[in-house]
């Protein structure tokens, strides 16, 4: 696998991103930070993954939050 030093999401699966964000913030705070219905109404890992995999704009917002939260350079 080729290294991509300028891409903090390289090699990180969507399920890992969502698990880390949910563990750090919880679905209630995620729903406040990113206005996505799958976080607001009966959230589950499975339903959120299904939605995010077929909705590029929502996935981009989740990935951006992950980068801002966990990939900040010192």
PDB file of N, CA and C in Angstrom:
ATOM      1  N   UNK A   1       0.835  -1.175   0.000  1.00  0.00           N
ATOM      2  CA  UNK A   1       0.000   0.000   0.000  1.00  0.00           C
ATOM      3  C   UNK A   1       0.884   1.244   0.000  1.00  0.00           C
ATOM      4  N   UNK A   2       0.521   2.188  -0.835  1.00  0.00           N
ATOM      5  CA  UNK A   2       1.280   3.420  -0.973  1.00  0.00           C
ATOM      6  C   UNK A   2       0.969   4.378   0.173  1.00  0.00           C
ATOM      7  N   UNK A   3       2.007   4.992   0.724  1.00  0.00           N
ATOM      8  CA  UNK A   3       1.806   5.950   1.810  1.00  0.00           C
ATOM      9  C   UNK A   3       1.325   7.282   1.235  1.00  0.00           C
ATOM     10  N   UNK A   4       0.419   7.927   1.970  1.00  0.00           N
ATOM     11  CA  UNK A   4      -0.110   9.226   1.572  1.00  0.00           C
ATOM     12  C   UNK A   4      -0.039  10.160   2.781  1.00  0.00           C
ATOM     13  N   UNK A   5       1.101  10.794   2.990  1.00  0.00           N
ATOM     14  CA  UNK A   5       1.294  11.604   4.187  1.00  0.00           C
ATOM     15  C   UNK A   5       0.351  12.805   4.290  1.00  0.00           C
ATOM     16  N   UNK A   6      -0.172  13.296   3.172  1.00  0.00           N
ATOM     17  CA  UNK A   6      -1.057  14.451   3.202  1.00  0.00           C
ATOM     18  C   UNK A   6      -2.530  14.081   3.297  1.00  0.00           C
ATOM     19  N   UNK A   7      -2.833  12.799   3.437  1.00  0.00           N
ATOM     20  CA  UNK A   7      -4.208  12.334   3.536  1.00  0.00           C
ATOM     21  C   UNK A   7      -4.406  11.623   4.874  1.00  0.00           C
ATOM     22  N   UNK A   8      -4.939  12.310   5.879  1.00  0.00           N
ATOM     23  CA  UNK A   8      -5.086  11.694   7.203  1.00  0.00           C
ATOM     24  C   UNK A   8      -6.118  10.563   7.236  1.00  0.00           C
ATOM     25  N   UNK A   9      -6.961  10.456   6.214  1.00  0.00           N
ATOM     26  CA  UNK A   9      -7.977   9.406   6.187  1.00  0.00           C
ATOM     27  C   UNK A   9      -7.517   8.165   5.431  1.00  0.00           C
ATOM     28  N   UNK A  10      -6.320   8.207   4.877  1.00  0.00           N
ATOM     29  CA  UNK A  10      -5.816   7.068   4.116  1.00  0.00           C
ATOM     30  C   UNK A  10      -5.747   5.819   4.992  1.00  0.00           C
ATOM     31  N   UNK A  11      -6.447   4.776   4.571  1.00  0.00           N
ATOM     32  CA  UNK A  11      -6.416   3.512   5.293  1.00  0.00           C
ATOM     33  C   UNK A  11      -7.379   3.434   6.463  1.00  0.00           C
ATOM     34  N   UNK A  12      -8.150   4.492   6.714  1.00  0.00           N
ATOM     35  CA  UNK A  12      -9.107   4.492   7.823  1.00  0.00           C
ATOM     36  C   UNK A  12     -10.489   4.185   7.254  1.00  0.00           C
ATOM     37  N   UNK A  13     -11.108   3.126   7.755  1.00  0.00           N
ATOM     38  CA  UNK A  13     -12.420   2.718   7.259  1.00  0.00           C
ATOM     39  C   UNK A  13     -13.509   3.600   7.860  1.00  0.00           C
ATOM     40  N   UNK A  14     -14.605   3.716   7.123  1.00  0.00           N
ATOM     41  CA  UNK A  14     -15.736   4.512   7.579  1.00  0.00           C
ATOM     42  C   UNK A  14     -16.276   3.998   8.910  1.00  0.00           C
ATOM     43  N   UNK A  15     -16.318   2.703   9.081  1.00  0.00           N
ATOM     44  CA  UNK A  15     -16.819   2.133  10.338  1.00  0.00           C
ATOM     45  C   UNK A  15     -15.935   2.565  11.509  1.00  0.00           C
ATOM     46  N   UNK A  16     -14.636   2.626  11.308  1.00  0.00           N
ATOM     47  CA  UNK A  16     -13.707   3.067  12.351  1.00  0.00           C
ATOM     48  C   UNK A  16     -13.931   4.536  12.679  1.00  0.00           C
ATOM     49  N   UNK A  17     -14.120   5.349  11.635  1.00  0.00           N
ATOM     50  CA  UNK A  17     -14.374   6.777  11.832  1.00  0.00           C
ATOM     51  C   UNK A  17     -15.629   6.971  12.669  1.00  0.00           C
ATOM     52  N   UNK A  18     -16.684   6.281  12.296  1.00  0.00           N
ATOM     53  CA  UNK A  18     -17.952   6.443  13.005  1.00  0.00           C
ATOM     54  C   UNK A  18     -17.884   5.922  14.436  1.00  0.00           C
ATOM     55  N   UNK A  19     -17.218   4.805  14.648  1.00  0.00           N
ATOM     56  CA  UNK A  19     -17.078   4.257  16.003  1.00  0.00           C
ATOM     57  C   UNK A  19     -16.305   5.216  16.911  1.00  0.00           C
ATOM     58  N   UNK A  20     -15.217   5.791  16.386  1.00  0.00           N
ATOM     59  CA  UNK A  20     -14.420   6.721  17.199  1.00  0.00           C
ATOM     60  C   UNK A  20     -15.200   7.994  17.516  1.00  0.00           C
ATOM     61  N   UNK A  21     -15.906   8.528  16.525  1.00  0.00           N
ATOM     62  CA  UNK A  21     -16.685   9.739  16.758  1.00  0.00           C
ATOM     63  C   UNK A  21     -17.823   9.487  17.736  1.00  0.00           C
ATOM     64  N   UNK A  22     -18.494   8.369  17.592  1.00  0.00           N
ATOM     65  CA  UNK A  22     -19.601   8.044  18.492  1.00  0.00           C
ATOM     66  C   UNK A  22     -19.086   7.824  19.913  1.00  0.00           C
ATOM     67  N   UNK A  23     -17.951   7.174  20.042  1.00  0.00           N
ATOM     68  CA  UNK A  23     -17.364   6.960  21.352  1.00  0.00           C
ATOM     69  C   UNK A  23     -16.898   8.255  22.008  1.00  0.00           C
ATOM     70  N   UNK A  24     -16.432   9.177  21.214  1.00  0.00           N
ATOM     71  CA  UNK A  24     -15.906  10.443  21.731  1.00  0.00           C
ATOM     72  C   UNK A  24     -17.031  11.434  22.044  1.00  0.00           C
ATOM     73  N   UNK A  25     -17.987  11.574  21.112  1.00  0.00           N
ATOM     74  CA  UNK A  25     -19.048  12.562  21.260  1.00  0.00           C
ATOM     75  C   UNK A  25     -20.385  11.968  21.702  1.00  0.00           C
ATOM     76  N   UNK A  26     -20.715  10.774  21.207  1.00  0.00           N
ATOM     77  CA  UNK A  26     -22.064  10.232  21.382  1.00  0.00           C
ATOM     78  C   UNK A  26     -22.958  10.751  20.262  1.00  0.00           C
ATOM     79  N   UNK A  27     -24.048  10.033  19.995  1.00  0.00           N
ATOM     80  CA  UNK A  27     -24.917  10.410  18.875  1.00  0.00           C
ATOM     81  C   UNK A  27     -25.616  11.749  19.089  1.00  0.00           C
ATOM     82  N   UNK A  28     -25.940  12.080  20.329  1.00  0.00           N
ATOM     83  CA  UNK A  28     -26.640  13.337  20.586  1.00  0.00           C
ATOM     84  C   UNK A  28     -25.782  14.544  20.198  1.00  0.00           C
ATOM     85  N   UNK A  29     -24.524  14.528  20.584  1.00  0.00           N
ATOM     86  CA  UNK A  29     -23.620  15.633  20.237  1.00  0.00           C
ATOM     87  C   UNK A  29     -23.307  15.604  18.744  1.00  0.00           C
ATOM     88  N   UNK A  30     -23.149  14.420  18.170  1.00  0.00           N
ATOM     89  CA  UNK A  30     -22.928  14.328  16.720  1.00  0.00           C
ATOM     90  C   UNK A  30     -24.087  14.955  15.961  1.00  0.00           C
ATOM     91  N   UNK A  31     -25.314  14.723  16.428  1.00  0.00           N
ATOM     92  CA  UNK A  31     -26.488  15.308  15.786  1.00  0.00           C
ATOM     93  C   UNK A  31     -26.471  16.828  15.881  1.00  0.00           C
ATOM     94  N   UNK A  32     -25.919  17.375  16.953  1.00  0.00           N
ATOM     95  CA  UNK A  32     -25.798  18.827  17.079  1.00  0.00           C
ATOM     96  C   UNK A  32     -24.705  19.377  16.173  1.00  0.00           C
ATOM     97  N   UNK A  33     -23.607  18.655  16.068  1.00  0.00           N
ATOM     98  CA  UNK A  33     -22.478  19.111  15.260  1.00  0.00           C
ATOM     99  C   UNK A  33     -22.733  18.951  13.763  1.00  0.00           C
ATOM    100  N   UNK A  34     -23.385  17.846  13.390  1.00  0.00           N
ATOM    101  CA  UNK A  34     -23.677  17.554  11.987  1.00  0.00           C
ATOM    102  C   UNK A  34     -25.166  17.239  11.897  1.00  0.00           C
ATOM    103  N   UNK A  35     -25.916  18.100  11.262  1.00  0.00           N
ATOM    104  CA  UNK A  35     -27.365  17.946  11.186  1.00  0.00           C
ATOM    105  C   UNK A  35     -27.725  16.870  10.163  1.00  0.00           C
ATOM    106  N   UNK A  36     -27.620  15.611  10.595  1.00  0.00           N
ATOM    107  CA  UNK A  36     -27.953  14.463   9.754  1.00  0.00           C
ATOM    108  C   UNK A  36     -28.989  13.640  10.500  1.00  0.00           C
ATOM    109  N   UNK A  37     -30.076  13.319   9.832  1.00  0.00           N
ATOM    110  CA  UNK A  37     -31.190  12.619  10.463  1.00  0.00           C
ATOM    111  C   UNK A  37     -30.785  11.282  11.083  1.00  0.00           C
ATOM    112  N   UNK A  38     -29.846  10.581  10.486  1.00  0.00           N
ATOM    113  CA  UNK A  38     -29.458   9.262  11.020  1.00  0.00           C
ATOM    114  C   UNK A  38     -28.828   9.377  12.408  1.00  0.00           C
ATOM    115  N   UNK A  39     -28.311  10.555  12.771  1.00  0.00           N
ATOM    116  CA  UNK A  39     -27.779  10.778  14.113  1.00  0.00           C
ATOM    117  C   UNK A  39     -28.870  11.216  15.089  1.00  0.00           C
ATOM    118  N   UNK A  40     -29.960  11.743  14.560  1.00  0.00           N
ATOM    119  CA  UNK A  40     -31.007  12.326  15.395  1.00  0.00           C
ATOM    120  C   UNK A  40     -32.090  11.339  15.809  1.00  0.00           C
ATOM    121  N   UNK A  41     -32.492  10.450  14.925  1.00  0.00           N
ATOM    122  CA  UNK A  41     -33.642   9.575  15.162  1.00  0.00           C
ATOM    123  C   UNK A  41     -33.224   8.108  15.156  1.00  0.00           C
ATOM    124  N   UNK A  42     -33.287   7.478  16.305  1.00  0.00           N
ATOM    125  CA  UNK A  42     -32.931   6.059  16.471  1.00  0.00           C
ATOM    126  C   UNK A  42     -31.585   5.704  15.842  1.00  0.00           C
ATOM    127  N   UNK A  43     -30.523   6.378  16.253  1.00  0.00           N
ATOM    128  CA  UNK A  43     -29.218   6.115  15.633  1.00  0.00           C
ATOM    129  C   UNK A  43     -28.673   4.733  15.994  1.00  0.00           C
ATOM    130  N   UNK A  44     -28.069   4.109  15.020  1.00  0.00           N
ATOM    131  CA  UNK A  44     -27.341   2.862  15.234  1.00  0.00           C
ATOM    132  C   UNK A  44     -26.176   2.864  14.259  1.00  0.00           C
ATOM    133  N   UNK A  45     -25.167   2.106  14.586  1.00  0.00           N
ATOM    134  CA  UNK A  45     -23.995   2.031  13.718  1.00  0.00           C
ATOM    135  C   UNK A  45     -24.398   1.568  12.323  1.00  0.00           C
ATOM    136  N   UNK A  46     -25.230   0.546  12.260  1.00  0.00           N
ATOM    137  CA  UNK A  46     -25.634  -0.026  10.973  1.00  0.00           C
ATOM    138  C   UNK A  46     -26.401   0.984  10.116  1.00  0.00           C
ATOM    139  N   UNK A  47     -27.374   1.679  10.706  1.00  0.00           N
ATOM    140  CA  UNK A  47     -28.172   2.626   9.923  1.00  0.00           C
ATOM    141  C   UNK A  47     -27.337   3.827   9.485  1.00  0.00           C
ATOM    142  N   UNK A  48     -26.452   4.290  10.350  1.00  0.00           N
ATOM    143  CA  UNK A  48     -25.598   5.423   9.997  1.00  0.00           C
ATOM    144  C   UNK A  48     -24.629   5.058   8.880  1.00  0.00           C
ATOM    145  N   UNK A  49     -24.035   3.878   8.968  1.00  0.00           N
ATOM    146  CA  UNK A  49     -23.115   3.437   7.911  1.00  0.00           C
ATOM    147  C   UNK A  49     -23.826   3.329   6.576  1.00  0.00           C
ATOM    148  N   UNK A  50     -25.026   2.763   6.583  1.00  0.00           N
ATOM    149  CA  UNK A  50     -25.792   2.604   5.346  1.00  0.00           C
ATOM    150  C   UNK A  50     -26.047   3.971   4.710  1.00  0.00           C
ATOM    151  N   UNK A  51     -26.474   4.937   5.524  1.00  0.00           N
ATOM    152  CA  UNK A  51     -26.750   6.274   5.018  1.00  0.00           C
ATOM    153  C   UNK A  51     -25.475   6.949   4.504  1.00  0.00           C
ATOM    154  N   UNK A  52     -24.421   6.907   5.286  1.00  0.00           N
ATOM    155  CA  UNK A  52     -23.192   7.606   4.919  1.00  0.00           C
ATOM    156  C   UNK A  52     -22.536   7.011   3.683  1.00  0.00           C
ATOM    157  N   UNK A  53     -22.681   5.709   3.476  1.00  0.00           N
ATOM    158  CA  UNK A  53     -22.074   5.078   2.295  1.00  0.00           C
ATOM    159  C   UNK A  53     -22.753   5.496   1.000  1.00  0.00           C
ATOM    160  N   UNK A  54     -24.026   5.895   1.067  1.00  0.00           N
ATOM    161  CA  UNK A  54     -24.723   6.285  -0.161  1.00  0.00           C
ATOM    162  C   UNK A  54     -24.987   7.780  -0.259  1.00  0.00           C
ATOM    163  N   UNK A  55     -24.455   8.561   0.686  1.00  0.00           N
ATOM    164  CA  UNK A  55     -24.685  10.007   0.689  1.00  0.00           C
ATOM    165  C   UNK A  55     -23.343  10.725   0.827  1.00  0.00           C
ATOM    166  N   UNK A  56     -22.712  11.030  -0.303  1.00  0.00           N
ATOM    167  CA  UNK A  56     -21.361  11.610  -0.274  1.00  0.00           C
ATOM    168  C   UNK A  56     -21.227  12.903   0.530  1.00  0.00           C
ATOM    169  N   UNK A  57     -22.191  13.814   0.464  1.00  0.00           N
ATOM    170  CA  UNK A  57     -22.078  15.084   1.192  1.00  0.00           C
ATOM    171  C   UNK A  57     -22.066  14.849   2.697  1.00  0.00           C
ATOM    172  N   UNK A  58     -22.868  13.891   3.166  1.00  0.00           N
ATOM    173  CA  UNK A  58     -22.916  13.593   4.601  1.00  0.00           C
ATOM    174  C   UNK A  58     -21.629  12.910   5.047  1.00  0.00           C
ATOM    175  N   UNK A  59     -21.136  11.996   4.228  1.00  0.00           N
ATOM    176  CA  UNK A  59     -19.883  11.308   4.557  1.00  0.00           C
ATOM    177  C   UNK A  59     -18.738  12.311   4.661  1.00  0.00           C
ATOM    178  N   UNK A  60     -18.721  13.270   3.745  1.00  0.00           N
ATOM    179  CA  UNK A  60     -17.671  14.295   3.767  1.00  0.00           C
ATOM    180  C   UNK A  60     -17.708  15.092   5.071  1.00  0.00           C
ATOM    181  N   UNK A  61     -18.910  15.421   5.539  1.00  0.00           N
ATOM    182  CA  UNK A  61     -19.035  16.162   6.798  1.00  0.00           C
ATOM    183  C   UNK A  61     -18.522  15.336   7.977  1.00  0.00           C
ATOM    184  N   UNK A  62     -18.835  14.050   7.994  1.00  0.00           N
ATOM    185  CA  UNK A  62     -18.379  13.162   9.067  1.00  0.00           C
ATOM    186  C   UNK A  62     -16.861  13.014   9.011  1.00  0.00           C
ATOM    187  N   UNK A  63     -16.313  12.834   7.816  1.00  0.00           N
ATOM    188  CA  UNK A  63     -14.857  12.712   7.676  1.00  0.00           C
ATOM    189  C   UNK A  63     -14.154  14.006   8.097  1.00  0.00           C
ATOM    190  N   UNK A  64     -14.735  15.147   7.752  1.00  0.00           N
ATOM    191  CA  UNK A  64     -14.145  16.432   8.149  1.00  0.00           C
ATOM    192  C   UNK A  64     -14.130  16.581   9.667  1.00  0.00           C
ATOM    193  N   UNK A  65     -15.214  16.191  10.321  1.00  0.00           N
ATOM    194  CA  UNK A  65     -15.256  16.257  11.783  1.00  0.00           C
ATOM    195  C   UNK A  65     -14.219  15.320  12.393  1.00  0.00           C
ATOM    196  N   UNK A  66     -14.051  14.148  11.828  1.00  0.00           N
ATOM    197  CA  UNK A  66     -13.047  13.182  12.313  1.00  0.00           C
ATOM    198  C   UNK A  66     -11.645  13.793  12.212  1.00  0.00           C
ATOM    199  N   UNK A  67     -11.347  14.398  11.076  1.00  0.00           N
ATOM    200  CA  UNK A  67     -10.023  15.013  10.887  1.00  0.00           C
ATOM    201  C   UNK A  67      -9.820  16.154  11.883  1.00  0.00           C
ATOM    202  N   UNK A  68     -10.823  17.003  12.055  1.00  0.00           N
ATOM    203  CA  UNK A  68     -10.706  18.127  12.997  1.00  0.00           C
ATOM    204  C   UNK A  68     -10.550  17.629  14.429  1.00  0.00           C
ATOM    205  N   UNK A  69     -11.179  16.507  14.754  1.00  0.00           N
ATOM    206  CA  UNK A  69     -11.163  16.005  16.130  1.00  0.00           C
ATOM    207  C   UNK A  69      -9.904  15.193  16.443  1.00  0.00           C
ATOM    208  N   UNK A  70      -9.510  14.317  15.548  1.00  0.00           N
ATOM    209  CA  UNK A  70      -8.452  13.348  15.877  1.00  0.00           C
ATOM    210  C   UNK A  70      -7.139  13.523  15.102  1.00  0.00           C
ATOM    211  N   UNK A  71      -7.105  14.339  14.090  1.00  0.00           N
ATOM    212  CA  UNK A  71      -5.906  14.404  13.248  1.00  0.00           C
ATOM    213  C   UNK A  71      -5.238  15.771  13.243  1.00  0.00           C
ATOM    214  N   UNK A  72      -5.420  16.524  14.272  1.00  0.00           N
ATOM    215  CA  UNK A  72      -4.784  17.853  14.340  1.00  0.00           C
ATOM    216  C   UNK A  72      -3.288  17.708  14.537  1.00  0.00           C
ATOM    217  N   UNK A  73      -2.555  18.506  13.788  1.00  0.00           N
ATOM    218  CA  UNK A  73      -1.093  18.537  13.946  1.00  0.00           C
ATOM    219  C   UNK A  73      -0.737  19.448  15.097  1.00  0.00           C
ATOM    220  N   UNK A  74       0.303  19.109  15.805  1.00  0.00           N
ATOM    221  CA  UNK A  74       0.740  19.960  16.923  1.00  0.00           C
ATOM    222  C   UNK A  74       1.576  21.106  16.455  1.00  0.00           C
TER     223      UNK A  74
END
